[in-house]
Amino acid sequence: MSEGGFDNCELCGSPGGEVVWENGICRVVMVADPDYPGFCRVILHRHLREMTDLPHKERMQLMNVVFAVETAVRCLYQPDKVNLASLGNLTPHVHWHLIPRWRDDRHFPQPIWATPQRLGAQRRRAVNGRQLGDEIIAALRTTETRTAVSKEIML
């Protein structure tokens, strides 16, 4: 999957989920988890372990994608909160988890990796990958516009 990948890296060897958007730096995948519709990962294409291994420009581009996915998830799912996590302890490959959270979800207020606090919450409507991809593109356009305006102001 990724240039310079490692044979034993799960994210170098497979997409990591349904790819809904990608560019030259990263891909966005939907995670198939019925308890957390809208759960996405932003995965760097090349194999690096830490965010600070990326050149500054790529780091900022990757984070713009993370923020665009958060914007898209908020728009489509209206969660009470969105958790962002970059762990990499089990899969040391730069990637971000974006997890929509609701007060009645199985783990709230704990992380989704913790012991469940209750039975599954009400099922929320699923959004297909195309809808999510379109919303990410719209959010990226907004981010690019804001970035261009910020650069003009700084000049």
C-alpha atoms as a PDB file:
ATOM      1  CA  MET A   1       0.000   0.000   0.000  1.00  0.00           C
ATOM      2  CA  SER A   2       2.632   2.560   0.918  1.00  0.00           C
ATOM      3  CA  GLU A   3       5.915   3.525  -0.659  1.00  0.00           C
ATOM      4  CA  GLY A   4       8.822   2.355   1.424  1.00  0.00           C
ATOM      5  CA  GLY A   5       6.404   0.215   3.422  1.00  0.00           C
ATOM      6  CA  PHE A   6       7.267  -2.574   5.763  1.00  0.00           C
ATOM      7  CA  ASP A   7       6.094  -6.134   5.209  1.00  0.00           C
ATOM      8  CA  ASN A   8       4.874  -6.518   8.780  1.00  0.00           C
ATOM      9  CA  CYS A   9       3.017  -3.180   8.895  1.00  0.00           C
ATOM     10  CA  GLU A  10      -0.736  -3.620   8.726  1.00  0.00           C
ATOM     11  CA  LEU A  11      -1.249  -0.137   7.239  1.00  0.00           C
ATOM     12  CA  CYS A  12       1.439  -0.580   4.575  1.00  0.00           C
ATOM     13  CA  GLY A  13      -0.033  -3.910   3.473  1.00  0.00           C
ATOM     14  CA  SER A  14      -3.718  -3.013   3.256  1.00  0.00           C
ATOM     15  CA  PRO A  15      -5.935   0.060   2.885  1.00  0.00           C
ATOM     16  CA  GLY A  16      -7.124  -0.250   6.495  1.00  0.00           C
ATOM     17  CA  GLY A  17     -10.809   0.127   5.638  1.00  0.00           C
ATOM     18  CA  GLU A  18     -13.038   1.502   2.894  1.00  0.00           C
ATOM     19  CA  VAL A  19     -11.074   4.300   1.213  1.00  0.00           C
ATOM     20  CA  VAL A  20     -13.370   7.319   0.856  1.00  0.00           C
ATOM     21  CA  TRP A  21     -10.767   9.932  -0.124  1.00  0.00           C
ATOM     22  CA  GLU A  22      -7.047  10.112  -0.813  1.00  0.00           C
ATOM     23  CA  ASN A  23      -4.313  12.323  -2.160  1.00  0.00           C
ATOM     24  CA  GLY A  24      -0.554  11.950  -2.593  1.00  0.00           C
ATOM     25  CA  ILE A  25       0.102  12.098   1.153  1.00  0.00           C
ATOM     26  CA  CYS A  26      -2.654  10.144   2.852  1.00  0.00           C
ATOM     27  CA  ARG A  27      -5.928   8.285   2.603  1.00  0.00           C
ATOM     28  CA  VAL A  28      -9.133   8.496   4.624  1.00  0.00           C
ATOM     29  CA  VAL A  29     -10.862   5.225   5.423  1.00  0.00           C
ATOM     30  CA  MET A  30     -14.179   4.441   7.070  1.00  0.00           C
ATOM     31  CA  VAL A  31     -13.895   1.929   9.888  1.00  0.00           C
ATOM     32  CA  ALA A  32     -16.629  -0.715   9.893  1.00  0.00           C
ATOM     33  CA  ASP A  33     -17.888  -0.359  13.469  1.00  0.00           C
ATOM     34  CA  PRO A  34     -21.679  -0.392  13.895  1.00  0.00           C
ATOM     35  CA  ASP A  35     -21.381   1.180  17.360  1.00  0.00           C
ATOM     36  CA  TYR A  36     -19.476   4.170  15.969  1.00  0.00           C
ATOM     37  CA  PRO A  37     -20.793   5.161  12.535  1.00  0.00           C
ATOM     38  CA  GLY A  38     -18.543   7.802  11.056  1.00  0.00           C
ATOM     39  CA  PHE A  39     -15.404   6.367  12.683  1.00  0.00           C
ATOM     40  CA  CYS A  40     -12.579   7.189  10.259  1.00  0.00           C
ATOM     41  CA  ARG A  41      -8.832   6.935  10.053  1.00  0.00           C
ATOM     42  CA  VAL A  42      -6.493   9.278   8.234  1.00  0.00           C
ATOM     43  CA  ILE A  43      -3.506   7.145   7.235  1.00  0.00           C
ATOM     44  CA  LEU A  44      -0.195   8.419   5.912  1.00  0.00           C
ATOM     45  CA  HIS A  45       0.727   6.567   2.713  1.00  0.00           C
ATOM     46  CA  ARG A  46       4.413   6.181   3.488  1.00  0.00           C
ATOM     47  CA  HIS A  47       5.673   4.370   6.519  1.00  0.00           C
ATOM     48  CA  LEU A  48       6.776   6.785   9.212  1.00  0.00           C
ATOM     49  CA  ARG A  49       6.412   6.232  12.946  1.00  0.00           C
ATOM     50  CA  GLU A  50       5.970   9.759  14.312  1.00  0.00           C
ATOM     51  CA  MET A  51       4.357  13.005  13.164  1.00  0.00           C
ATOM     52  CA  THR A  52       7.636  14.833  13.688  1.00  0.00           C
ATOM     53  CA  ASP A  53       9.287  12.511  11.138  1.00  0.00           C
ATOM     54  CA  LEU A  54       7.272  14.371   8.489  1.00  0.00           C
ATOM     55  CA  PRO A  55       8.581  17.580   6.934  1.00  0.00           C
ATOM     56  CA  HIS A  56       6.683  20.594   8.275  1.00  0.00           C
ATOM     57  CA  LYS A  57       4.691  21.188   5.067  1.00  0.00           C
ATOM     58  CA  GLU A  58       3.469  17.575   4.886  1.00  0.00           C
ATOM     59  CA  ARG A  59       2.655  17.621   8.600  1.00  0.00           C
ATOM     60  CA  MET A  60       0.434  20.660   8.065  1.00  0.00           C
ATOM     61  CA  GLN A  61      -1.181  19.090   4.983  1.00  0.00           C
ATOM     62  CA  LEU A  62      -1.921  15.909   6.922  1.00  0.00           C
ATOM     63  CA  MET A  63      -3.466  17.862   9.792  1.00  0.00           C
ATOM     64  CA  ASN A  64      -5.614  19.853   7.344  1.00  0.00           C
ATOM     65  CA  VAL A  65      -7.023  16.511   6.179  1.00  0.00           C
ATOM     66  CA  VAL A  66      -7.631  15.450   9.806  1.00  0.00           C
ATOM     67  CA  PHE A  67      -9.501  18.714  10.447  1.00  0.00           C
ATOM     68  CA  ALA A  68     -11.497  18.352   7.216  1.00  0.00           C
ATOM     69  CA  VAL A  69     -12.559  14.828   8.196  1.00  0.00           C
ATOM     70  CA  GLU A  70     -13.599  16.093  11.629  1.00  0.00           C
ATOM     71  CA  THR A  71     -15.655  18.833   9.959  1.00  0.00           C
ATOM     72  CA  ALA A  72     -17.279  16.308   7.609  1.00  0.00           C
ATOM     73  CA  VAL A  73     -18.088  13.880  10.440  1.00  0.00           C
ATOM     74  CA  ARG A  74     -19.605  16.674  12.540  1.00  0.00           C
ATOM     75  CA  CYS A  75     -21.737  17.819   9.612  1.00  0.00           C
ATOM     76  CA  LEU A  76     -22.992  14.356   8.662  1.00  0.00           C
ATOM     77  CA  TYR A  77     -23.446  12.764  12.098  1.00  0.00           C
ATOM     78  CA  GLN A  78     -23.946  15.618  14.594  1.00  0.00           C
ATOM     79  CA  PRO A  79     -22.089  13.806  17.395  1.00  0.00           C
ATOM     80  CA  ASP A  80     -21.849  15.247  20.894  1.00  0.00           C
ATOM     81  CA  LYS A  81     -18.045  15.146  20.559  1.00  0.00           C
ATOM     82  CA  VAL A  82     -15.350  13.958  18.143  1.00  0.00           C
ATOM     83  CA  ASN A  83     -12.308  12.228  19.611  1.00  0.00           C
ATOM     84  CA  LEU A  84      -8.996  12.516  17.763  1.00  0.00           C
ATOM     85  CA  ALA A  85      -6.299   9.994  18.607  1.00  0.00           C
ATOM     86  CA  SER A  86      -2.872   9.193  17.242  1.00  0.00           C
ATOM     87  CA  LEU A  87      -1.481   6.291  19.213  1.00  0.00           C
ATOM     88  CA  GLY A  88       0.575   3.895  17.137  1.00  0.00           C
ATOM     89  CA  ASN A  89       1.552   1.611  20.001  1.00  0.00           C
ATOM     90  CA  LEU A  90       0.299  -1.501  18.201  1.00  0.00           C
ATOM     91  CA  THR A  91       0.671  -0.160  14.656  1.00  0.00           C
ATOM     92  CA  PRO A  92       3.648   2.227  14.579  1.00  0.00           C
ATOM     93  CA  HIS A  93       2.639   3.944  11.330  1.00  0.00           C
ATOM     94  CA  VAL A  94       1.423   7.566  11.336  1.00  0.00           C
ATOM     95  CA  HIS A  95      -2.375   7.543  11.376  1.00  0.00           C
ATOM     96  CA  TRP A  96      -5.179   9.396  13.132  1.00  0.00           C
ATOM     97  CA  HIS A  97      -8.430   7.992  14.498  1.00  0.00           C
ATOM     98  CA  LEU A  98     -11.481  10.280  14.259  1.00  0.00           C
ATOM     99  CA  ILE A  99     -14.271   8.881  16.381  1.00  0.00           C
ATOM    100  CA  PRO A 100     -17.686  10.496  16.681  1.00  0.00           C
ATOM    101  CA  ARG A 101     -18.982  10.169  20.229  1.00  0.00           C
ATOM    102  CA  TRP A 102     -22.442  10.396  21.746  1.00  0.00           C
ATOM    103  CA  ARG A 103     -23.390  10.606  25.410  1.00  0.00           C
ATOM    104  CA  ASP A 104     -25.266   7.314  25.094  1.00  0.00           C
ATOM    105  CA  ASP A 105     -22.584   5.354  23.208  1.00  0.00           C
ATOM    106  CA  ARG A 106     -21.256   2.121  24.731  1.00  0.00           C
ATOM    107  CA  HIS A 107     -18.116   3.649  26.210  1.00  0.00           C
ATOM    108  CA  PHE A 108     -18.947   7.292  26.935  1.00  0.00           C
ATOM    109  CA  PRO A 109     -17.246   9.084  28.630  1.00  0.00           C
ATOM    110  CA  GLN A 110     -14.359   6.580  28.433  1.00  0.00           C
ATOM    111  CA  PRO A 111     -12.290   5.959  25.272  1.00  0.00           C
ATOM    112  CA  ILE A 112     -13.776   3.420  22.886  1.00  0.00           C
ATOM    113  CA  TRP A 113     -10.911   1.050  23.722  1.00  0.00           C
ATOM    114  CA  ALA A 114     -11.969   0.939  27.404  1.00  0.00           C
ATOM    115  CA  THR A 115     -14.447  -1.420  29.036  1.00  0.00           C
ATOM    116  CA  PRO A 116     -17.989  -0.685  27.823  1.00  0.00           C
ATOM    117  CA  GLN A 117     -20.086   1.339  30.258  1.00  0.00           C
ATOM    118  CA  ARG A 118     -23.462   0.146  28.954  1.00  0.00           C
ATOM    119  CA  LEU A 119     -25.141  -1.907  26.252  1.00  0.00           C
ATOM    120  CA  GLY A 120     -25.087  -0.572  22.721  1.00  0.00           C
ATOM    121  CA  ALA A 121     -26.784   2.753  22.161  1.00  0.00           C
ATOM    122  CA  GLN A 122     -29.485   3.489  19.653  1.00  0.00           C
ATOM    123  CA  ARG A 123     -28.375   2.835  16.104  1.00  0.00           C
ATOM    124  CA  ARG A 124     -27.564   5.948  14.144  1.00  0.00           C
ATOM    125  CA  ARG A 125     -27.997   6.330  10.446  1.00  0.00           C
ATOM    126  CA  ALA A 126     -25.053   5.246   8.386  1.00  0.00           C
ATOM    127  CA  VAL A 127     -23.572   7.503   5.748  1.00  0.00           C
ATOM    128  CA  ASN A 128     -22.026   5.907   2.688  1.00  0.00           C
ATOM    129  CA  GLY A 129     -18.421   6.423   1.692  1.00  0.00           C
ATOM    130  CA  ARG A 130     -19.292   8.640  -1.242  1.00  0.00           C
ATOM    131  CA  GLN A 131     -21.245  11.075   0.951  1.00  0.00           C
ATOM    132  CA  LEU A 132     -18.370  11.227   3.410  1.00  0.00           C
ATOM    133  CA  GLY A 133     -15.825  11.704   0.617  1.00  0.00           C
ATOM    134  CA  ASP A 134     -17.873  14.565  -0.869  1.00  0.00           C
ATOM    135  CA  GLU A 135     -18.143  16.241   2.531  1.00  0.00           C
ATOM    136  CA  ILE A 136     -14.379  15.900   3.075  1.00  0.00           C
ATOM    137  CA  ILE A 137     -13.730  17.566  -0.293  1.00  0.00           C
ATOM    138  CA  ALA A 138     -16.052  20.438   0.656  1.00  0.00           C
ATOM    139  CA  ALA A 139     -14.323  20.834   4.021  1.00  0.00           C
ATOM    140  CA  LEU A 140     -10.883  20.794   2.376  1.00  0.00           C
ATOM    141  CA  ARG A 141     -11.966  23.556  -0.005  1.00  0.00           C
ATOM    142  CA  THR A 142     -13.055  25.645   2.970  1.00  0.00           C
ATOM    143  CA  THR A 143      -9.755  24.933   4.746  1.00  0.00           C
ATOM    144  CA  GLU A 144      -7.754  25.873   1.638  1.00  0.00           C
ATOM    145  CA  THR A 145      -9.687  29.133   1.341  1.00  0.00           C
ATOM    146  CA  ARG A 146      -9.065  29.984   5.001  1.00  0.00           C
ATOM    147  CA  THR A 147      -5.380  29.111   4.644  1.00  0.00           C
ATOM    148  CA  ALA A 148      -5.022  31.315   1.550  1.00  0.00           C
ATOM    149  CA  VAL A 149      -6.741  34.220   3.323  1.00  0.00           C
ATOM    150  CA  SER A 150      -4.518  33.741   6.391  1.00  0.00           C
ATOM    151  CA  LYS A 151      -1.403  33.834   4.218  1.00  0.00           C
ATOM    152  CA  GLU A 152      -2.608  37.058   2.558  1.00  0.00           C
ATOM    153  CA  ILE A 153      -3.242  38.643   5.948  1.00  0.00           C
ATOM    154  CA  MET A 154       0.247  37.640   7.124  1.00  0.00           C
ATOM    155  CA  LEU A 155       1.860  39.267   4.069  1.00  0.00           C
END
